[in-house]
Amino acid sequence: MNFFKWLYPGMRIKRWILLFIAGITVIMMIALYGVKMIAGKSIFLALFVAAVLVLGLFVIVTSIKNILRTFVRVLMPQVETDLVSIVYQKRHERALERGPRVVVVGGGTGLNVLLQGIKEYTNNISAIVTVTDTGGSSGRLRNEFDMLPPGDIRNCLVALADRSPLLNDLFQYRFEDGTGLKGHNFGNLFITALSKITGCFDLAVKEASKVLAIRGQVIPSTLDKVTLVAEFEDGSTAEGETTIVDMHKKIKQIALKPHDCRPTKEAIEAIETADMVILGPGSLFTSVLPNILISDIQKALEESDAFKIYVANVMTQPGETDDMSAYEHYDVLVRHTSDRIVNACLVNIGTIPGHLKKMYAEKDQFPVELDLDKIKDNGVMVFKENVINVENTIKHSAELLAKALFDVYLKFGVKESNAEEK
C-alpha cells in the first residue's frame, strides 16, 4: 500500500508524524485526567499540568510546521523554505493574477525594460513583439534556417522570467569564440532548436515560456516572414531593418513586405481583452511601427476601448529619428495609422546630467524636444514624469516607468474621466 511508503527510510517525515501523535496524546490525557488530578491538590501540581499542556501544544505546532516544510521542500525546491515567505509570495502572486490586462507593443531594449517593471504590478501581460530584425545573431538565424528572428522574443522572455538569475544569464549568454558560434546567443539557438523540434515558431516560444516560467505571454505580431521597406525624403528606398538604419537618411514612410501579412490570433485576442495598451518605448520605425502596420492589429487597436498610451523615447536615435521632437514621434504614429491609435502620451522630464548629454552627443544622440502643446492640440492627454535612470547611461527606469504608467492608468484609465491632464 502507498501509505507504508511514508515509513521508508529517508522520507524525513516519520519523526514528525510520531511527534504529532505524541502531542495529541498528551493533550488528550490532560483533557481526560488533568482536571481530576489537580482538583483539591496543590498549586504546584496545577502548574505542572499546565506546563505539560503547553508542551503538548508546542509539540503539535512544531510537528505540523515541519511536516509542511517537508512537503514544501519536495514540491517547491526553488523557493524559500521559510513558511512566512512562502505564504507572502503566494498571496502576492494571487494579487498579481487579479491585476489589469496589459498589452505592450514594440521590441528592442526599451520593451525589455518596460516588461521588467510592469511584471511587478500584474501577471496579465501580453507582449506583442516585432519579427522584422535582420541584424546580428537573429538575422543570421533568420537567413540560415528560414525562420523568424528570435532575438526580440528572447529578450522579452527573459524580462518576464520568474526563474533563477542563472537560467536568465544562460539565455542571454553570447558566444565570443567558435567557428559558426561566435556572435550567437544561447537563447536564440535554444528557440531555433525548439522551432525545429516542434515544427512551429510560436509553439517554440510557448515552450520556452514554460522553461523560464514567465509572467504573462510573449506573442510574435505575425508568423509570416516580413521585412521592412523604407522610403526616404530624397525619394530613395531601402529594404531590411539594418540596411534602413545604416542609410542615415530621414525616413518619410515605412511599410511591410508583404503588406498583407497576417497577425497571430493571440495578438488580436490580447488587444480585444486589454485594459491598457502601451506602445513603446523603443525604436519608432523599427520596433513599434512594424507591429501596428499589420492591418488587423491596427484595426484592433483603433477599435479597442482600452487605455492606450504611447511612451515617448528620451533620446533621438541615429539613422532613424534624428532631430525628431516628441510631437513628430507621435505624428509618425498617426500618419502611418490613425488618430485613434493612442489617447495619451507619457514623456520624461527627469534631468539628464551634462556629462551624459555630451557623451551621447558624440554619438549623434540628443534629448527629444518636448513640444507637448502640439500633441495636446490633437486631443491627446500628456503626462510628464521622471522615468529615467541616468547612473551610467540614459535609459528608462523599469521601476519609475512602470509606476508612472500604472498611476496614470488608475487615475484615468480604469473609468472614464474628464479630469484635466497633469
Protein backbone atom coordinates (compact mmCIF):
# COMPACT_ATOMS: atom_id res chain seq x y z
CA MET A 1 0.00 0.00 0.00
CA ASN A 2 1.15 3.55 -0.76
CA PHE A 3 0.58 4.54 2.88
CA PHE A 4 3.52 2.43 4.06
CA LYS A 5 5.88 4.32 1.73
CA TRP A 6 5.75 7.12 4.29
CA LEU A 7 7.64 4.77 6.61
CA TYR A 8 10.52 4.20 4.17
CA PRO A 9 13.98 5.34 5.34
CA GLY A 10 14.98 8.86 4.26
CA MET A 11 11.45 10.23 3.91
CA ARG A 12 12.19 12.75 6.73
CA ILE A 13 8.59 12.70 7.90
CA LYS A 14 8.21 9.71 10.29
CA ARG A 15 9.72 11.58 13.25
CA TRP A 16 7.31 14.47 12.86
CA ILE A 17 4.30 12.21 12.49
CA LEU A 18 5.30 10.37 15.68
CA LEU A 19 5.88 13.71 17.45
CA PHE A 20 2.45 14.91 16.33
CA ILE A 21 0.84 11.73 17.69
CA ALA A 22 2.70 12.19 20.97
CA GLY A 23 1.48 15.77 21.27
CA ILE A 24 -2.12 14.78 20.59
CA THR A 25 -1.83 12.00 23.17
CA VAL A 26 -0.58 14.43 25.81
CA ILE A 27 -3.42 16.88 25.12
CA MET A 28 -6.00 14.06 25.31
CA MET A 29 -4.57 12.78 28.59
CA ILE A 30 -4.69 16.25 30.10
CA ALA A 31 -8.26 16.70 28.88
CA LEU A 32 -9.39 13.36 30.33
CA TYR A 33 -7.47 13.21 33.59
CA GLY A 34 -5.85 16.59 34.19
CA VAL A 35 -8.81 18.24 35.89
CA LYS A 36 -9.30 15.33 38.28
CA MET A 37 -5.58 15.28 39.10
CA ILE A 38 -5.45 18.89 40.22
CA ALA A 39 -8.82 19.05 41.97
CA GLY A 40 -8.12 19.91 45.60
CA LYS A 41 -4.38 19.46 45.14
CA SER A 42 -1.55 21.94 45.45
CA ILE A 43 -0.86 24.87 43.19
CA PHE A 44 2.42 23.25 42.14
CA LEU A 45 0.58 20.26 40.65
CA ALA A 46 -1.73 22.63 38.77
CA LEU A 47 1.28 24.47 37.35
CA PHE A 48 2.84 21.15 36.35
CA VAL A 49 -0.31 20.09 34.47
CA ALA A 50 -0.45 23.48 32.72
CA ALA A 51 3.20 23.17 31.72
CA VAL A 52 2.56 19.71 30.26
CA LEU A 53 -0.42 21.12 28.33
CA VAL A 54 1.71 23.93 26.88
CA LEU A 55 4.43 21.41 25.99
CA GLY A 56 1.87 19.24 24.18
CA LEU A 57 0.62 22.21 22.18
CA PHE A 58 4.22 23.21 21.31
CA VAL A 59 4.98 19.67 20.12
CA ILE A 60 1.88 19.66 17.88
CA VAL A 61 2.69 23.06 16.31
CA THR A 62 6.33 22.09 15.75
CA SER A 63 5.46 18.77 14.12
CA ILE A 64 2.85 20.33 11.81
CA LYS A 65 5.29 23.08 10.79
CA ASN A 66 8.00 20.54 9.93
CA ILE A 67 5.60 18.26 8.06
CA LEU A 68 4.55 21.23 5.91
CA ARG A 69 8.19 22.24 5.40
CA THR A 70 9.00 18.71 4.20
CA PHE A 71 6.26 18.88 1.57
CA VAL A 72 7.31 22.40 0.52
CA ARG A 73 10.93 21.38 0.03
CA VAL A 74 9.87 18.49 -2.20
CA LEU A 75 7.19 20.24 -4.23
CA MET A 76 8.81 23.71 -4.46
CA PRO A 77 12.55 23.29 -4.02
CA GLN A 78 13.38 26.60 -5.66
CA VAL A 79 11.55 28.83 -3.19
CA GLU A 80 12.30 29.97 0.33
CA THR A 81 11.78 27.29 2.99
CA ASP A 82 10.55 29.92 5.42
CA LEU A 83 6.80 29.35 5.61
CA VAL A 84 6.05 33.03 6.13
CA SER A 85 7.96 33.89 2.94
CA ILE A 86 6.11 31.19 1.03
CA VAL A 87 2.69 32.40 2.18
CA TYR A 88 3.60 36.02 1.37
CA GLN A 89 4.88 35.04 -2.08
CA LYS A 90 1.74 33.08 -2.90
CA ARG A 91 -0.51 35.91 -1.71
CA HIS A 92 1.48 38.37 -3.82
CA GLU A 93 1.18 36.10 -6.85
CA ARG A 94 -2.60 35.89 -6.37
CA ALA A 95 -2.79 39.68 -6.24
CA LEU A 96 -0.83 39.89 -9.50
CA GLU A 97 -3.23 37.41 -11.10
CA ARG A 98 -6.03 39.89 -10.42
CA GLY A 99 -4.09 42.78 -11.97
CA PRO A 100 -5.21 44.63 -15.12
CA ARG A 101 -4.77 43.05 -18.54
CA VAL A 102 -1.87 44.93 -20.10
CA VAL A 103 -0.69 44.69 -23.71
CA VAL A 104 2.72 46.10 -24.62
CA VAL A 105 3.68 46.60 -28.25
CA GLY A 106 7.21 47.01 -29.55
CA GLY A 107 10.62 45.38 -29.47
CA GLY A 108 14.24 46.04 -28.59
CA THR A 109 15.73 47.01 -25.24
CA GLY A 110 13.05 49.60 -24.44
CA LEU A 111 10.37 46.93 -24.33
CA ASN A 112 12.52 44.70 -22.11
CA VAL A 113 12.92 47.47 -19.52
CA LEU A 114 9.18 48.13 -19.52
CA LEU A 115 8.33 44.46 -19.03
CA GLN A 116 10.70 44.14 -16.06
CA GLY A 117 8.77 46.93 -14.36
CA ILE A 118 5.16 46.06 -15.11
CA LYS A 119 5.50 42.40 -14.11
CA GLU A 120 5.64 43.68 -10.51
CA TYR A 121 2.08 45.06 -10.93
CA THR A 122 0.28 42.33 -12.86
CA ASN A 123 0.71 38.85 -14.28
CA ASN A 124 -1.78 39.54 -17.06
CA ILE A 125 0.81 40.75 -19.56
CA SER A 126 0.86 40.21 -23.30
CA ALA A 127 3.96 41.40 -25.13
CA ILE A 128 3.34 41.75 -28.88
CA VAL A 129 6.80 41.71 -30.42
CA THR A 130 8.14 42.66 -33.83
CA VAL A 131 9.77 39.97 -36.04
CA THR A 132 11.49 42.14 -38.66
CA ASP A 133 15.05 42.07 -37.26
CA THR A 134 17.69 41.39 -39.92
CA GLY A 135 20.90 42.02 -37.99
CA GLY A 136 23.22 40.15 -35.64
CA SER A 137 22.54 36.64 -34.42
CA SER A 138 18.83 36.90 -35.20
CA GLY A 139 19.48 37.94 -38.79
CA ARG A 140 21.93 35.08 -39.34
CA LEU A 141 19.50 32.50 -37.96
CA ARG A 142 16.69 34.02 -40.00
CA ASN A 143 18.67 33.58 -43.22
CA GLU A 144 20.27 30.21 -42.47
CA PHE A 145 17.19 28.44 -41.10
CA ASP A 146 14.45 30.33 -42.97
CA MET A 147 12.74 31.24 -39.71
CA LEU A 148 11.55 34.30 -37.83
CA PRO A 149 14.25 36.22 -35.94
CA PRO A 150 14.24 35.14 -32.26
CA GLY A 151 16.25 37.98 -30.66
CA ASP A 152 13.49 40.36 -29.53
CA ILE A 153 11.34 37.41 -28.49
CA ARG A 154 14.19 36.03 -26.36
CA ASN A 155 14.76 39.37 -24.63
CA CYS A 156 11.08 39.64 -23.70
CA LEU A 157 11.02 36.07 -22.37
CA VAL A 158 13.98 36.81 -20.11
CA ALA A 159 12.43 40.11 -18.97
CA LEU A 160 9.26 38.29 -17.86
CA ALA A 161 11.06 35.24 -16.47
CA ASP A 162 10.44 34.04 -12.92
CA ARG A 163 13.28 31.52 -12.84
CA SER A 164 16.71 31.79 -11.24
CA PRO A 165 19.15 34.50 -12.40
CA LEU A 166 21.49 31.73 -13.61
CA LEU A 167 18.91 30.48 -16.12
CA ASN A 168 18.28 34.05 -17.27
CA ASP A 169 22.03 34.58 -17.73
CA LEU A 170 22.20 31.34 -19.72
CA PHE A 171 19.53 32.53 -22.17
CA GLN A 172 21.40 35.84 -22.61
CA TYR A 173 24.85 34.26 -22.98
CA ARG A 174 26.62 35.25 -26.19
CA PHE A 175 29.38 33.09 -27.63
CA GLU A 176 32.59 35.05 -28.20
CA ASP A 177 34.56 32.24 -29.87
CA GLY A 178 34.00 29.24 -32.07
CA THR A 179 33.59 28.85 -35.79
CA GLY A 180 29.93 29.39 -36.59
CA LEU A 181 29.01 30.03 -32.94
CA LYS A 182 30.75 33.37 -32.45
CA GLY A 183 28.23 36.17 -32.06
CA HIS A 184 25.30 33.83 -31.49
CA ASN A 185 23.20 34.00 -28.37
CA PHE A 186 22.33 30.80 -26.49
CA GLY A 187 18.69 31.81 -26.13
CA ASN A 188 18.43 32.39 -29.88
CA LEU A 189 19.89 28.93 -30.56
CA PHE A 190 17.54 27.39 -27.98
CA ILE A 191 14.45 28.91 -29.63
CA THR A 192 15.77 27.90 -33.06
CA ALA A 193 16.20 24.28 -31.91
CA LEU A 194 12.73 24.28 -30.34
CA SER A 195 11.18 25.62 -33.53
CA LYS A 196 12.73 22.75 -35.48
CA ILE A 197 11.64 20.16 -32.91
CA THR A 198 8.07 21.47 -32.63
CA GLY A 199 7.84 22.46 -36.29
CA CYS A 200 6.36 25.83 -35.38
CA PHE A 201 7.92 29.11 -34.21
CA ASP A 202 5.03 30.20 -31.99
CA LEU A 203 4.91 26.80 -30.31
CA ALA A 204 8.66 27.08 -29.68
CA VAL A 205 8.05 30.44 -27.98
CA LYS A 206 5.35 28.90 -25.78
CA GLU A 207 7.64 26.03 -24.75
CA ALA A 208 10.47 28.43 -23.98
CA SER A 209 7.98 30.42 -21.88
CA LYS A 210 7.37 27.31 -19.77
CA VAL A 211 11.10 26.73 -19.28
CA LEU A 212 11.54 30.29 -17.98
CA ALA A 213 8.21 30.31 -16.10
CA ILE A 214 7.40 33.76 -17.44
CA ARG A 215 4.67 36.02 -16.10
CA GLY A 216 2.26 36.64 -18.96
CA GLN A 217 2.85 35.72 -22.58
CA VAL A 218 5.15 36.77 -25.41
CA ILE A 219 3.45 36.89 -28.82
CA PRO A 220 5.04 37.39 -32.25
CA SER A 221 2.97 40.00 -34.08
CA THR A 222 2.92 37.76 -37.16
CA LEU A 223 4.21 34.34 -38.18
CA ASP A 224 4.69 35.49 -41.78
CA LYS A 225 8.24 36.24 -42.87
CA VAL A 226 8.16 40.02 -43.24
CA THR A 227 10.74 42.69 -43.94
CA LEU A 228 10.67 46.46 -43.57
CA VAL A 229 10.74 48.74 -46.61
CA ALA A 230 11.54 52.43 -46.13
CA GLU A 231 11.03 55.41 -48.41
CA PHE A 232 13.31 58.34 -47.60
CA GLU A 233 12.71 62.06 -48.01
CA ASP A 234 15.01 62.13 -51.05
CA GLY A 235 12.84 59.55 -52.84
CA SER A 236 15.21 56.60 -52.45
CA THR A 237 14.19 53.32 -50.81
CA ALA A 238 15.83 50.59 -48.77
CA GLU A 239 14.76 47.14 -47.56
CA GLY A 240 15.66 45.42 -44.29
CA GLU A 241 15.83 46.86 -40.79
CA THR A 242 19.63 47.01 -40.59
CA THR A 243 20.02 48.50 -44.07
CA ILE A 244 17.41 51.18 -43.37
CA VAL A 245 19.16 52.37 -40.19
CA ASP A 246 22.60 52.27 -41.83
CA MET A 247 21.44 54.60 -44.62
CA HIS A 248 21.28 57.53 -42.15
CA LYS A 249 18.58 59.26 -44.18
CA LYS A 250 15.38 60.90 -42.99
CA ILE A 251 12.57 58.38 -43.31
CA LYS A 252 9.38 59.53 -44.99
CA GLN A 253 7.37 56.33 -44.91
CA ILE A 254 7.84 52.77 -43.67
CA ALA A 255 5.93 49.69 -44.83
CA LEU A 256 5.88 45.91 -44.52
CA LYS A 257 6.65 43.45 -47.27
CA PRO A 258 4.36 41.65 -47.87
CA HIS A 259 1.86 44.35 -46.89
CA ASP A 260 -0.96 41.82 -46.33
CA CYS A 261 0.80 39.76 -43.65
CA ARG A 262 -1.47 38.11 -41.12
CA PRO A 263 -1.43 38.76 -37.38
CA THR A 264 -1.26 36.00 -34.83
CA LYS A 265 -4.60 35.06 -33.31
CA GLU A 266 -3.20 35.57 -29.80
CA ALA A 267 -2.17 39.16 -30.60
CA ILE A 268 -5.70 40.13 -31.68
CA GLU A 269 -7.29 38.40 -28.68
CA ALA A 270 -4.90 40.15 -26.30
CA ILE A 271 -5.77 43.58 -27.70
CA GLU A 272 -9.51 42.90 -27.68
CA THR A 273 -9.46 41.99 -23.97
CA ALA A 274 -6.88 44.56 -22.82
CA ASP A 275 -7.43 47.13 -20.08
CA MET A 276 -4.31 49.09 -21.03
CA VAL A 277 -2.21 49.11 -24.22
CA ILE A 278 1.31 50.55 -24.13
CA LEU A 279 3.16 51.48 -27.32
CA GLY A 280 6.93 51.82 -26.86
CA PRO A 281 9.36 52.82 -25.65
CA GLY A 282 11.74 51.74 -28.38
CA SER A 283 12.84 52.40 -31.93
CA LEU A 284 9.92 54.17 -33.58
CA PHE A 285 10.33 52.92 -37.14
CA THR A 286 11.89 49.51 -36.49
CA SER A 287 10.33 48.31 -33.20
CA VAL A 288 6.94 49.97 -32.63
CA LEU A 289 5.56 50.64 -36.11
CA PRO A 290 6.24 47.17 -37.62
CA ASN A 291 3.65 45.71 -35.26
CA ILE A 292 0.87 48.21 -35.84
CA LEU A 293 1.40 48.33 -39.62
CA ILE A 294 -0.22 44.88 -39.71
CA SER A 295 -3.71 45.95 -40.78
CA ASP A 296 -5.70 43.70 -38.44
CA ILE A 297 -3.60 44.72 -35.43
CA GLN A 298 -4.07 48.38 -36.36
CA LYS A 299 -7.83 47.86 -36.67
CA ALA A 300 -7.99 46.04 -33.31
CA LEU A 301 -6.10 48.90 -31.63
CA GLU A 302 -8.34 51.55 -33.18
CA GLU A 303 -11.48 49.72 -32.03
CA SER A 304 -10.16 48.87 -28.56
CA ASP A 305 -11.68 50.74 -25.61
CA ALA A 306 -8.54 50.08 -23.55
CA PHE A 307 -6.46 52.96 -22.19
CA LYS A 308 -3.88 53.40 -24.98
CA ILE A 309 -0.70 55.25 -24.13
CA TYR A 310 2.46 55.95 -26.12
CA VAL A 311 5.74 56.14 -24.18
CA ALA A 312 7.93 58.65 -25.98
CA ASN A 313 11.64 57.99 -26.33
CA VAL A 314 14.03 60.01 -24.18
CA MET A 315 16.78 60.35 -26.81
CA THR A 316 16.80 60.56 -30.60
CA GLN A 317 18.13 57.55 -32.49
CA PRO A 318 20.84 57.98 -35.15
CA GLY A 319 19.74 56.92 -38.61
CA GLU A 320 16.11 56.70 -37.55
CA THR A 321 14.72 59.66 -35.58
CA ASP A 322 17.45 62.30 -35.94
CA ASP A 323 16.23 65.76 -34.83
CA MET A 324 12.68 64.48 -34.26
CA SER A 325 10.65 66.07 -31.44
CA ALA A 326 8.07 64.36 -29.22
CA TYR A 327 5.26 65.64 -31.42
CA GLU A 328 6.99 64.37 -34.56
CA HIS A 329 7.26 60.91 -32.96
CA TYR A 330 3.53 60.99 -32.26
CA ASP A 331 2.78 62.37 -35.73
CA VAL A 332 4.64 59.47 -37.38
CA LEU A 333 2.43 57.01 -35.49
CA VAL A 334 -0.73 58.81 -36.58
CA ARG A 335 0.35 59.27 -40.22
CA HIS A 336 1.07 55.56 -40.54
CA THR A 337 -2.16 54.52 -38.80
CA SER A 338 -4.85 56.90 -37.49
CA ASP A 339 -5.53 59.36 -34.67
CA ARG A 340 -7.38 56.61 -32.79
CA ILE A 341 -4.22 54.62 -32.18
CA VAL A 342 -3.46 56.30 -28.81
CA ASN A 343 -5.28 58.61 -26.40
CA ALA A 344 -2.38 59.51 -24.09
CA CYS A 345 1.34 60.14 -24.23
CA LEU A 346 3.94 59.80 -21.45
CA VAL A 347 7.16 61.84 -21.67
CA ASN A 348 10.19 62.13 -19.46
CA ILE A 349 11.02 65.33 -17.59
CA GLY A 350 13.82 63.83 -15.49
CA THR A 351 17.08 65.78 -15.57
CA ILE A 352 19.89 64.42 -17.73
CA PRO A 353 23.40 65.17 -16.39
CA GLY A 354 25.59 67.30 -18.62
CA HIS A 355 28.38 64.74 -18.93
CA LEU A 356 25.92 62.16 -20.27
CA LYS A 357 24.47 64.64 -22.75
CA LYS A 358 27.99 65.28 -24.01
CA MET A 359 28.76 61.56 -24.25
CA TYR A 360 25.59 60.90 -26.25
CA ALA A 361 26.10 63.96 -28.46
CA GLU A 362 29.34 62.38 -29.67
CA LYS A 363 27.16 59.53 -30.98
CA ASP A 364 24.69 61.97 -32.56
CA GLN A 365 22.02 61.31 -29.94
CA PHE A 366 20.20 64.19 -28.28
CA PRO A 367 17.28 64.61 -25.84
CA VAL A 368 13.91 64.55 -27.59
CA GLU A 369 12.43 68.06 -27.72
CA LEU A 370 9.20 68.25 -25.71
CA ASP A 371 6.85 70.29 -27.91
CA LEU A 372 3.89 68.99 -25.94
CA ASP A 373 1.32 71.64 -26.85
CA LYS A 374 1.19 70.26 -30.38
CA ILE A 375 0.33 66.82 -29.01
CA LYS A 376 -2.37 68.27 -26.76
CA ASP A 377 -3.87 70.14 -29.71
CA ASN A 378 -4.70 66.72 -31.18
CA GLY A 379 -6.85 65.86 -28.16
CA VAL A 380 -4.22 63.58 -26.62
CA MET A 381 -3.53 63.67 -22.87
CA VAL A 382 0.11 64.30 -21.99
CA PHE A 383 1.71 63.09 -18.78
CA LYS A 384 5.10 64.36 -17.66
CA GLU A 385 7.12 62.23 -15.24
CA ASN A 386 10.68 61.48 -14.25
CA VAL A 387 11.04 57.96 -15.65
CA ILE A 388 14.75 57.64 -16.41
CA ASN A 389 17.85 56.03 -14.96
CA VAL A 390 20.99 58.13 -15.51
CA GLU A 391 23.59 56.29 -13.45
CA ASN A 392 25.91 55.42 -16.35
CA THR A 393 23.70 55.70 -19.41
CA ILE A 394 20.43 57.38 -20.34
CA LYS A 395 17.62 54.87 -20.33
CA HIS A 396 14.17 54.36 -18.92
CA SER A 397 13.98 53.09 -15.35
CA ALA A 398 11.90 49.92 -15.10
CA GLU A 399 10.57 50.87 -11.67
CA LEU A 400 9.84 54.54 -12.34
CA LEU A 401 8.30 53.91 -15.76
CA ALA A 402 6.01 51.13 -14.53
CA LYS A 403 4.90 53.18 -11.52
CA ALA A 404 4.14 56.22 -13.70
CA LEU A 405 2.13 54.14 -16.18
CA PHE A 406 0.03 52.43 -13.51
CA ASP A 407 -0.53 55.69 -11.63
CA VAL A 408 -1.86 57.22 -14.85
CA TYR A 409 -3.92 54.13 -15.63
CA LEU A 410 -5.52 54.00 -12.17
CA LYS A 411 -6.41 57.69 -12.38
CA PHE A 412 -7.53 57.98 -16.00
CA GLY A 413 -7.82 54.51 -17.50
CA VAL A 414 -9.95 52.49 -15.08
CA LYS A 415 -13.00 54.65 -15.58
CA GLU A 416 -13.93 57.45 -17.90
CA SER A 417 -12.82 60.80 -16.61
CA ASN A 418 -12.91 64.37 -17.86
CA ALA A 419 -10.14 65.36 -15.49
CA GLU A 420 -7.57 67.78 -16.74
CA GLU A 421 -4.20 66.40 -17.84
CA LYS A 422 -1.43 66.56 -15.32
